[in-house]
Amino acid sequence: MMRFLLPVLALFVALPAWAEVNIKEMTTPGGIHAWLVEEHSIPFVALELRFQGGTSLDPQGKEGVTNLMVGLLEEGAGDMDARAFARARFAYNEALSQSGWAAPQNMAAAQGYAFTGPIRTGGHRASAEAVAQGRADIAAIDAQTWRMILRYDAFAADLRVIAQTPSSPALPYITATLNDPAPILRALNAAIETLDAADRETLGLRAVLPLPAAAYLAVPNPPPPASETG
């Protein structure tokens, strides 16, 4: 059975108002602090999640940067406002890609516009090169490909990051439905651990993590452009 750790900062079990409250402070192996209150006379569990965020994370002396970031996300980024984004020549690898197509289109839709007249390139690196060469104005590149472009491609000097989409899952490893994925997952991680640190850094490999199918279905793929459907 695969286990997943949820980022729970506070865990409360509902209690009768008159009961003595016994609060246990807990810390998960991942360093997440939680409060646990148990009362076995009632048949349900209540959860309350609290995350530190927003302006409380502004660095000292740089108060207001969170509001600035939100303003940029609502009205574009860099020297491009929302209207400029909509008019930009958008290069994408393919319409089945979460990072190259779905994530940027969903981000655009959340801001009330869509990329028009997209240019299909067939690959993330090709999309980045199209922008560098002036054949496109903007492209969404997955983080791993971008790391490799910065390391190996001279045209990276002609590119700049102007915004980031919300995170989305990477491509999954799959196996036949009759196979137990647990030993395969352990074997993959064991193989990664045998690599030298320099090799892991070059490949960008740290570990293979289990994700539920819902994590992939949570990012909808917008319809492909008319140029792909005829």
Protein backbone atom coordinates (compact mmCIF):
# COMPACT_ATOMS: atom_id res chain seq x y z
CA MET A 1 0.00 0.00 0.00
CA MET A 2 1.37 3.40 -0.97
CA ARG A 3 1.24 6.14 1.63
CA PHE A 4 1.01 9.81 0.92
CA LEU A 5 1.89 12.65 3.27
CA LEU A 6 -0.51 15.57 3.24
CA PRO A 7 0.78 19.04 4.20
CA VAL A 8 -1.33 19.27 7.32
CA LEU A 9 -0.27 22.00 9.70
CA ALA A 10 -3.01 21.53 12.26
CA LEU A 11 -5.15 18.48 12.96
CA PHE A 12 -8.16 18.72 15.24
CA VAL A 13 -10.66 16.05 16.26
CA ALA A 14 -13.97 17.60 17.31
CA LEU A 15 -14.71 17.47 21.02
CA PRO A 16 -17.75 18.16 23.18
CA ALA A 17 -17.60 21.73 24.42
CA TRP A 18 -17.35 20.65 28.05
CA ALA A 19 -14.59 18.05 27.64
CA GLU A 20 -11.07 18.67 28.80
CA VAL A 21 -8.92 19.37 25.78
CA ASN A 22 -5.70 17.36 25.65
CA ILE A 23 -3.56 18.76 22.82
CA LYS A 24 -0.61 16.72 21.62
CA GLU A 25 2.08 18.48 19.61
CA MET A 26 3.49 16.32 16.82
CA THR A 27 6.15 16.66 14.14
CA THR A 28 6.12 14.49 11.03
CA PRO A 29 9.35 13.02 9.57
CA GLY A 30 9.14 15.75 6.96
CA GLY A 31 9.24 18.49 9.59
CA ILE A 32 5.54 19.44 9.51
CA HIS A 33 4.25 20.55 12.92
CA ALA A 34 0.72 19.52 13.91
CA TRP A 35 -1.62 19.50 16.89
CA LEU A 36 -3.60 16.33 17.57
CA VAL A 37 -6.71 16.22 19.76
CA GLU A 38 -8.39 12.83 20.20
CA GLU A 39 -11.87 12.07 21.49
CA HIS A 40 -13.06 8.52 20.80
CA SER A 41 -16.66 9.02 21.88
CA ILE A 42 -17.64 10.74 18.61
CA PRO A 43 -17.41 8.98 15.22
CA PHE A 44 -15.81 11.58 12.97
CA VAL A 45 -12.58 13.42 12.32
CA ALA A 46 -12.25 17.18 11.82
CA LEU A 47 -9.30 18.75 10.04
CA GLU A 48 -8.20 22.36 10.03
CA LEU A 49 -5.32 23.40 7.76
CA ARG A 50 -3.37 26.61 8.23
CA PHE A 51 -0.50 27.70 6.03
CA GLN A 52 1.82 30.62 6.50
CA GLY A 53 1.69 32.68 3.34
CA GLY A 54 0.81 35.95 1.68
CA THR A 55 2.28 39.11 3.09
CA SER A 56 3.53 37.28 6.20
CA LEU A 57 6.31 35.84 4.02
CA ASP A 58 7.50 39.23 2.73
CA PRO A 59 11.26 39.60 3.44
CA GLN A 60 12.19 42.23 6.02
CA GLY A 61 12.69 45.54 4.29
CA LYS A 62 10.80 44.34 1.19
CA GLU A 63 7.24 44.53 2.47
CA GLY A 64 4.74 44.59 -0.37
CA VAL A 65 6.47 42.17 -2.76
CA THR A 66 3.60 39.67 -2.44
CA ASN A 67 1.06 42.28 -3.54
CA LEU A 68 3.38 43.21 -6.40
CA MET A 69 3.57 39.57 -7.50
CA VAL A 70 -0.22 39.19 -7.44
CA GLY A 71 -0.57 42.35 -9.50
CA LEU A 72 1.84 41.01 -12.10
CA LEU A 73 -0.03 37.70 -12.33
CA GLU A 74 -3.31 39.53 -12.84
CA GLU A 75 -2.00 41.89 -15.49
CA GLY A 76 0.83 40.05 -17.24
CA ALA A 77 4.53 39.98 -16.45
CA GLY A 78 7.73 41.70 -17.54
CA ASP A 79 6.93 44.27 -20.21
CA MET A 80 3.85 42.34 -21.40
CA ASP A 81 0.38 43.03 -20.04
CA ALA A 82 -2.57 40.66 -20.43
CA ARG A 83 -3.45 42.05 -23.88
CA ALA A 84 0.13 41.64 -25.07
CA PHE A 85 0.14 38.03 -23.87
CA ALA A 86 -3.03 37.33 -25.86
CA ARG A 87 -1.47 38.77 -29.04
CA ALA A 88 1.90 37.03 -28.58
CA ARG A 89 3.00 34.32 -30.97
CA PHE A 90 2.85 31.32 -28.63
CA ALA A 91 5.14 28.34 -29.39
CA TYR A 92 4.13 24.97 -27.89
CA ASN A 93 5.40 21.42 -28.21
CA GLU A 94 2.08 19.58 -28.61
CA ALA A 95 -1.51 19.88 -27.43
CA LEU A 96 -1.25 16.78 -25.18
CA SER A 97 1.49 18.38 -23.08
CA GLN A 98 0.61 19.57 -19.58
CA SER A 99 3.61 21.87 -19.20
CA GLY A 100 3.82 23.17 -22.77
CA TRP A 101 0.11 23.51 -23.58
CA ALA A 102 -2.35 22.87 -20.72
CA ALA A 103 -0.59 24.81 -17.94
CA PRO A 104 -0.08 28.05 -19.91
CA GLN A 105 -3.54 27.92 -21.49
CA ASN A 106 -5.20 27.33 -18.11
CA MET A 107 -3.19 30.16 -16.59
CA ALA A 108 -4.24 32.44 -19.44
CA ALA A 109 -7.90 31.43 -19.09
CA ALA A 110 -7.78 32.28 -15.38
CA GLN A 111 -6.73 35.81 -16.37
CA GLY A 112 -9.48 36.14 -18.99
CA TYR A 113 -7.58 35.63 -22.26
CA ALA A 114 -6.21 32.88 -24.51
CA PHE A 115 -3.15 32.53 -26.71
CA THR A 116 -4.20 32.95 -30.33
CA GLY A 117 -2.50 31.57 -33.42
CA PRO A 118 -0.19 29.14 -31.57
CA ILE A 119 2.82 27.65 -33.34
CA ARG A 120 3.44 23.92 -32.89
CA THR A 121 7.15 23.02 -32.71
CA GLY A 122 7.13 19.35 -31.65
CA GLY A 123 9.36 19.78 -28.59
CA HIS A 124 10.11 22.00 -25.59
CA ARG A 125 13.64 22.79 -26.75
CA ALA A 126 12.34 23.62 -30.24
CA SER A 127 9.80 26.02 -28.70
CA ALA A 128 12.51 27.79 -26.72
CA GLU A 129 14.70 28.02 -29.83
CA ALA A 130 11.78 29.45 -31.83
CA VAL A 131 11.50 32.28 -29.30
CA ALA A 132 15.26 32.87 -29.33
CA GLN A 133 15.25 33.07 -33.13
CA GLY A 134 12.29 35.46 -33.27
CA ARG A 135 9.87 32.99 -34.86
CA ALA A 136 7.72 33.13 -31.69
CA ASP A 137 7.29 35.56 -28.82
CA ILE A 138 6.59 33.28 -25.88
CA ALA A 139 6.66 29.61 -24.88
CA ALA A 140 6.08 27.53 -21.76
CA ILE A 141 9.01 25.20 -21.03
CA ASP A 142 9.06 22.48 -18.39
CA ALA A 143 11.52 23.06 -15.55
CA GLN A 144 13.80 20.12 -16.41
CA THR A 145 14.17 21.11 -20.07
CA TRP A 146 14.83 24.71 -19.04
CA ARG A 147 17.65 23.56 -16.73
CA MET A 148 19.25 21.68 -19.61
CA ILE A 149 18.84 24.61 -22.01
CA LEU A 150 20.58 26.89 -19.54
CA ARG A 151 23.41 24.36 -19.22
CA TYR A 152 23.98 23.33 -22.83
CA ASP A 153 22.41 25.78 -25.31
CA ALA A 154 24.01 29.10 -26.26
CA PHE A 155 20.63 30.53 -27.33
CA ALA A 156 19.60 30.53 -23.64
CA ALA A 157 21.30 33.94 -23.44
CA ASP A 158 18.56 35.32 -25.74
CA LEU A 159 15.74 34.15 -23.44
CA ARG A 160 14.35 35.31 -20.10
CA VAL A 161 11.75 33.99 -17.68
CA ILE A 162 8.80 36.36 -17.35
CA ALA A 163 6.33 34.21 -15.37
CA GLN A 164 5.75 30.75 -13.95
CA THR A 165 2.60 28.63 -14.20
CA PRO A 166 1.33 26.61 -11.24
CA SER A 167 3.13 23.29 -10.84
CA SER A 168 1.84 20.22 -12.67
CA PRO A 169 2.92 16.55 -12.54
CA ALA A 170 5.78 15.33 -14.73
CA LEU A 171 5.38 12.44 -17.15
CA PRO A 172 4.53 9.22 -15.28
CA TYR A 173 6.20 5.84 -15.33
CA ILE A 174 3.57 3.21 -16.12
CA THR A 175 3.39 -0.57 -15.98
CA ALA A 176 0.86 -3.26 -16.90
CA THR A 177 -2.24 -3.45 -14.70
CA LEU A 178 -1.27 -6.99 -13.57
CA ASN A 179 2.07 -5.78 -12.19
CA ASP A 180 2.58 -4.64 -8.63
CA PRO A 181 4.08 -1.12 -8.96
CA ALA A 182 5.60 -1.11 -5.45
CA PRO A 183 8.67 -3.33 -6.14
CA ILE A 184 9.25 -1.57 -9.46
CA LEU A 185 9.21 1.78 -7.68
CA ARG A 186 11.68 0.49 -5.08
CA ALA A 187 13.98 -0.82 -7.82
CA LEU A 188 13.96 2.50 -9.66
CA ASN A 189 14.83 4.44 -6.51
CA ALA A 190 17.51 1.92 -5.58
CA ALA A 191 19.07 2.37 -9.03
CA ILE A 192 19.02 6.16 -8.65
CA GLU A 193 20.73 5.90 -5.27
CA THR A 194 23.63 3.94 -6.83
CA LEU A 195 24.42 6.83 -9.20
CA ASP A 196 27.21 9.22 -8.35
CA ALA A 197 26.08 12.62 -7.12
CA ALA A 198 27.48 14.23 -10.29
CA ASP A 199 25.48 11.83 -12.49
CA ARG A 200 22.29 12.50 -10.55
CA GLU A 201 22.86 16.23 -10.94
CA THR A 202 23.48 15.89 -14.69
CA LEU A 203 20.34 13.78 -15.17
CA GLY A 204 18.27 15.86 -12.76
CA LEU A 205 17.23 12.71 -10.87
CA ARG A 206 16.57 12.57 -7.15
CA ALA A 207 13.80 10.01 -6.71
CA VAL A 208 10.63 8.61 -8.26
CA LEU A 209 7.56 9.41 -6.17
CA PRO A 210 4.09 7.80 -6.24
CA LEU A 211 1.24 10.06 -7.27
CA PRO A 212 -2.45 9.18 -7.45
CA ALA A 213 -4.13 9.34 -10.84
CA ALA A 214 -6.20 12.25 -9.57
CA ALA A 215 -3.08 14.42 -9.55
CA TYR A 216 -2.87 14.11 -13.32
CA LEU A 217 -6.58 14.51 -13.93
CA ALA A 218 -6.61 17.69 -11.82
CA VAL A 219 -4.94 19.61 -14.67
CA PRO A 220 -7.44 19.70 -17.56
CA ASN A 221 -6.08 19.67 -21.09
CA PRO A 222 -7.73 22.47 -23.10
CA PRO A 223 -8.89 21.62 -26.62
CA PRO A 224 -6.13 21.62 -29.27
CA PRO A 225 -5.93 24.60 -31.63
CA ALA A 226 -7.99 24.55 -34.82
CA SER A 227 -4.82 23.96 -36.85
CA GLU A 228 -4.55 20.47 -35.30
CA THR A 229 -8.20 19.50 -35.67
CA GLY A 230 -8.69 20.69 -39.23
